Amino acid sequence: MKSNLKTIRAGFTTAALLLALSPVTWAGTLDEVKSLWDPQGITGTTPVPSAGVSAPVKPVSQARWYRLSNGQQVNLSDWKVVLFMQGHCPYCHKFDPVLKQLSGQYGFSVFSYTIDGQGDEAFPEALPVPPDVMQTFFPNIPVATPTTFLVNVNTLAAWPILQGATDAQGFMARMDTVFQMMGAPDNG
């Protein structure tokens, strides 16, 4: 019981800290993204297929190039933003329409999971999140909504983007930071 209370208190403290620091400079953003990244949980490693199993043939999608602030380019069609949201979350109601608008503007796709089983106006068809997905994406970070991750569609490697709501400029700056932390892979 004492351990659960400590974990809950730490989660609230972390969530409050992340919300309070959201308008911080690039260096602060980089530190926040690094703090969300867990090398023992979600990593940039590629899953190894079983012996004798061939990889499925993937349809070739049209490249959607996005130029990062350092001049490098990223093909957004190799990436998907995974959103964890709740239908009754006021921060989700603020952030989700922004994410949907950015998705249309820049051409990246969004896969939405709902923690409470409810979608919202921006993502009414959000899927209920399975327990194994929760364990994969939230091994050592607090569960908060909205939370976004960047997932490579070819390797399924995932990187955390943001916990909490932000504006369009803040989200794209955070994506820029995450891509630069990865070394800006141009084709996944």
Protein backbone atom coordinates (compact mmCIF):
# COMPACT_ATOMS: atom_id res chain seq x y z
CA MET A 1 0.00 0.00 0.00
CA LYS A 2 2.79 2.42 0.96
CA SER A 3 4.64 1.54 -2.26
CA ASN A 4 1.50 2.18 -4.36
CA LEU A 5 0.98 5.55 -2.69
CA LYS A 6 4.59 6.48 -3.35
CA THR A 7 4.25 5.42 -7.00
CA ILE A 8 1.03 7.42 -7.43
CA ARG A 9 2.58 10.47 -5.76
CA ALA A 10 5.67 10.18 -7.98
CA GLY A 11 3.43 9.88 -11.05
CA PHE A 12 1.46 13.00 -10.14
CA THR A 13 4.66 14.88 -9.41
CA THR A 14 6.18 13.83 -12.72
CA ALA A 15 3.02 14.72 -14.66
CA ALA A 16 2.79 18.13 -12.95
CA LEU A 17 6.46 18.77 -13.68
CA LEU A 18 6.05 17.84 -17.35
CA LEU A 19 3.04 20.13 -17.70
CA ALA A 20 4.82 22.99 -15.96
CA LEU A 21 7.91 22.67 -18.15
CA SER A 22 6.17 22.35 -21.53
CA PRO A 23 7.04 25.89 -22.74
CA VAL A 24 10.73 25.51 -21.78
CA THR A 25 13.59 26.01 -24.25
CA TRP A 26 14.98 23.35 -26.59
CA ALA A 27 17.51 22.15 -24.00
CA GLY A 28 14.68 21.56 -21.52
CA THR A 29 12.70 19.74 -24.20
CA LEU A 30 15.65 17.49 -24.95
CA ASP A 31 16.01 16.66 -21.25
CA GLU A 32 12.29 15.85 -20.98
CA VAL A 33 12.35 13.55 -24.00
CA LYS A 34 15.44 11.79 -22.62
CA SER A 35 13.69 11.33 -19.28
CA LEU A 36 10.75 9.61 -21.01
CA TRP A 37 12.98 7.32 -23.04
CA ASP A 38 13.60 4.04 -21.23
CA PRO A 39 16.37 1.87 -22.65
CA GLN A 40 14.96 -1.16 -20.79
CA GLY A 41 11.43 -0.65 -22.17
CA ILE A 42 10.77 0.92 -25.53
CA THR A 43 14.01 1.18 -27.45
CA GLY A 44 15.24 1.93 -30.89
CA THR A 45 16.06 -1.73 -31.44
CA THR A 46 14.62 -3.71 -34.27
CA PRO A 47 12.59 -6.81 -33.39
CA VAL A 48 14.26 -9.99 -34.68
CA PRO A 49 11.94 -12.21 -36.75
CA SER A 50 11.74 -15.91 -35.92
CA ALA A 51 13.91 -18.30 -37.93
CA GLY A 52 12.20 -19.56 -41.04
CA VAL A 53 9.60 -16.77 -41.04
CA SER A 54 9.84 -14.37 -43.93
CA ALA A 55 9.01 -10.72 -43.44
CA PRO A 56 5.64 -9.69 -44.88
CA VAL A 57 5.69 -7.69 -48.08
CA LYS A 58 4.91 -4.07 -47.32
CA PRO A 59 3.27 -1.79 -49.85
CA VAL A 60 5.47 1.13 -50.85
CA SER A 61 3.97 4.39 -49.69
CA GLN A 62 4.63 7.79 -51.17
CA ALA A 63 7.42 9.66 -49.40
CA ARG A 64 6.38 12.65 -47.28
CA TRP A 65 9.58 14.55 -46.56
CA TYR A 66 9.85 16.84 -43.55
CA ARG A 67 12.86 19.12 -43.02
CA LEU A 68 14.18 19.27 -39.46
CA SER A 69 15.58 22.42 -37.88
CA ASN A 70 19.14 21.13 -38.44
CA GLY A 71 18.54 20.77 -42.21
CA GLN A 72 18.17 16.98 -42.28
CA GLN A 73 15.07 15.42 -43.83
CA VAL A 74 12.82 12.66 -42.52
CA ASN A 75 10.32 10.61 -44.51
CA LEU A 76 7.17 10.90 -42.37
CA SER A 77 5.53 8.00 -44.21
CA ASP A 78 7.96 5.72 -42.32
CA TRP A 79 6.60 6.92 -38.98
CA LYS A 80 3.32 6.86 -37.10
CA VAL A 81 2.34 8.93 -34.09
CA VAL A 82 0.71 6.71 -31.47
CA LEU A 83 -1.66 8.65 -29.21
CA PHE A 84 -2.90 7.49 -25.82
CA MET A 85 -6.00 9.47 -24.85
CA GLN A 86 -9.23 9.39 -22.86
CA GLY A 87 -12.66 10.51 -23.98
CA HIS A 88 -13.23 12.48 -20.77
CA CYS A 89 -9.77 14.08 -20.52
CA PRO A 90 -9.86 17.90 -20.80
CA TYR A 91 -6.21 17.97 -21.93
CA CYS A 92 -7.05 15.48 -24.70
CA HIS A 93 -9.96 17.67 -25.81
CA LYS A 94 -7.48 20.55 -26.12
CA PHE A 95 -4.62 18.62 -27.75
CA ASP A 96 -6.27 15.99 -29.97
CA PRO A 97 -7.72 18.48 -32.52
CA VAL A 98 -4.26 20.08 -32.77
CA LEU A 99 -2.69 16.67 -33.47
CA LYS A 100 -5.37 15.83 -36.06
CA GLN A 101 -4.79 19.18 -37.82
CA LEU A 102 -1.00 18.64 -37.85
CA SER A 103 -1.49 15.13 -39.21
CA GLY A 104 -3.41 16.52 -42.17
CA GLN A 105 -0.99 19.41 -42.68
CA TYR A 106 2.26 17.40 -42.58
CA GLY A 107 0.99 14.02 -43.78
CA PHE A 108 1.92 11.81 -40.84
CA SER A 109 -0.59 9.27 -39.62
CA VAL A 110 -1.93 8.91 -36.09
CA PHE A 111 -2.95 5.68 -34.38
CA SER A 112 -5.14 6.45 -31.38
CA TYR A 113 -5.62 4.28 -28.29
CA THR A 114 -8.14 5.11 -25.60
CA ILE A 115 -7.45 4.27 -21.97
CA ASP A 116 -11.06 4.74 -20.80
CA GLY A 117 -12.71 3.07 -23.81
CA GLN A 118 -14.06 6.38 -25.16
CA GLY A 119 -12.98 8.36 -28.20
CA ASP A 120 -13.36 12.11 -28.55
CA GLU A 121 -14.38 14.50 -31.32
CA ALA A 122 -10.96 14.41 -33.01
CA PHE A 123 -10.47 10.63 -32.69
CA PRO A 124 -13.92 9.05 -32.21
CA GLU A 125 -12.72 5.62 -33.41
CA ALA A 126 -9.86 5.28 -30.89
CA LEU A 127 -9.23 1.65 -29.99
CA PRO A 128 -9.29 0.41 -26.39
CA VAL A 129 -5.67 -0.15 -25.39
CA PRO A 130 -4.74 -3.79 -24.64
CA PRO A 131 -2.79 -4.48 -21.41
CA ASP A 132 0.31 -5.69 -23.28
CA VAL A 133 0.45 -2.44 -25.26
CA MET A 134 0.25 -0.47 -22.00
CA GLN A 135 3.14 -2.52 -20.58
CA THR A 136 5.20 -1.95 -23.72
CA PHE A 137 4.70 1.80 -23.93
CA PHE A 138 4.56 2.65 -20.22
CA PRO A 139 7.11 0.36 -18.52
CA ASN A 140 8.66 2.98 -16.23
CA ILE A 141 6.82 6.23 -16.91
CA PRO A 142 3.53 7.43 -15.47
CA VAL A 143 0.37 6.82 -17.45
CA ALA A 144 -0.97 10.23 -18.38
CA THR A 145 -3.16 11.49 -21.19
CA PRO A 146 -2.57 12.65 -23.76
CA THR A 147 0.74 10.86 -24.36
CA THR A 148 2.30 10.51 -27.80
CA PHE A 149 5.01 8.22 -29.15
CA LEU A 150 6.77 8.12 -32.51
CA VAL A 151 6.83 4.59 -33.97
CA ASN A 152 8.78 3.44 -37.01
CA VAL A 153 6.32 1.49 -39.17
CA ASN A 154 9.10 -0.70 -40.60
CA THR A 155 10.88 -1.72 -37.38
CA LEU A 156 8.24 -0.95 -34.71
CA ALA A 157 10.92 0.91 -32.73
CA ALA A 158 9.24 3.59 -30.59
CA TRP A 159 10.31 6.86 -29.00
CA PRO A 160 8.28 9.02 -26.60
CA ILE A 161 7.32 12.46 -27.87
CA LEU A 162 5.22 14.17 -25.23
CA GLN A 163 3.01 13.76 -22.19
CA GLY A 164 0.36 16.44 -21.86
CA ALA A 165 -1.19 19.03 -24.15
CA THR A 166 0.69 21.57 -26.23
CA ASP A 167 0.07 23.77 -29.25
CA ALA A 168 0.98 22.94 -32.87
CA GLN A 169 4.36 24.67 -32.72
CA GLY A 170 5.25 22.92 -29.46
CA PHE A 171 4.37 19.48 -30.82
CA MET A 172 6.34 19.92 -34.05
CA ALA A 173 9.32 21.26 -32.08
CA ARG A 174 9.17 18.17 -29.89
CA MET A 175 9.00 15.85 -32.94
CA ASP A 176 11.99 17.70 -34.37
CA THR A 177 13.90 17.09 -31.12
CA VAL A 178 13.03 13.38 -31.05
CA PHE A 179 14.11 12.87 -34.67
CA GLN A 180 17.40 14.65 -33.97
CA MET A 181 17.97 12.47 -30.88
CA MET A 182 17.59 9.42 -33.13
CA GLY A 183 20.12 10.78 -35.57
CA ALA A 184 17.35 11.72 -38.04
CA PRO A 185 16.89 8.47 -39.95
CA ASP A 186 15.85 9.44 -43.45
CA ASN A 187 14.19 6.22 -44.47
CA GLY A 188 13.37 4.59 -41.15
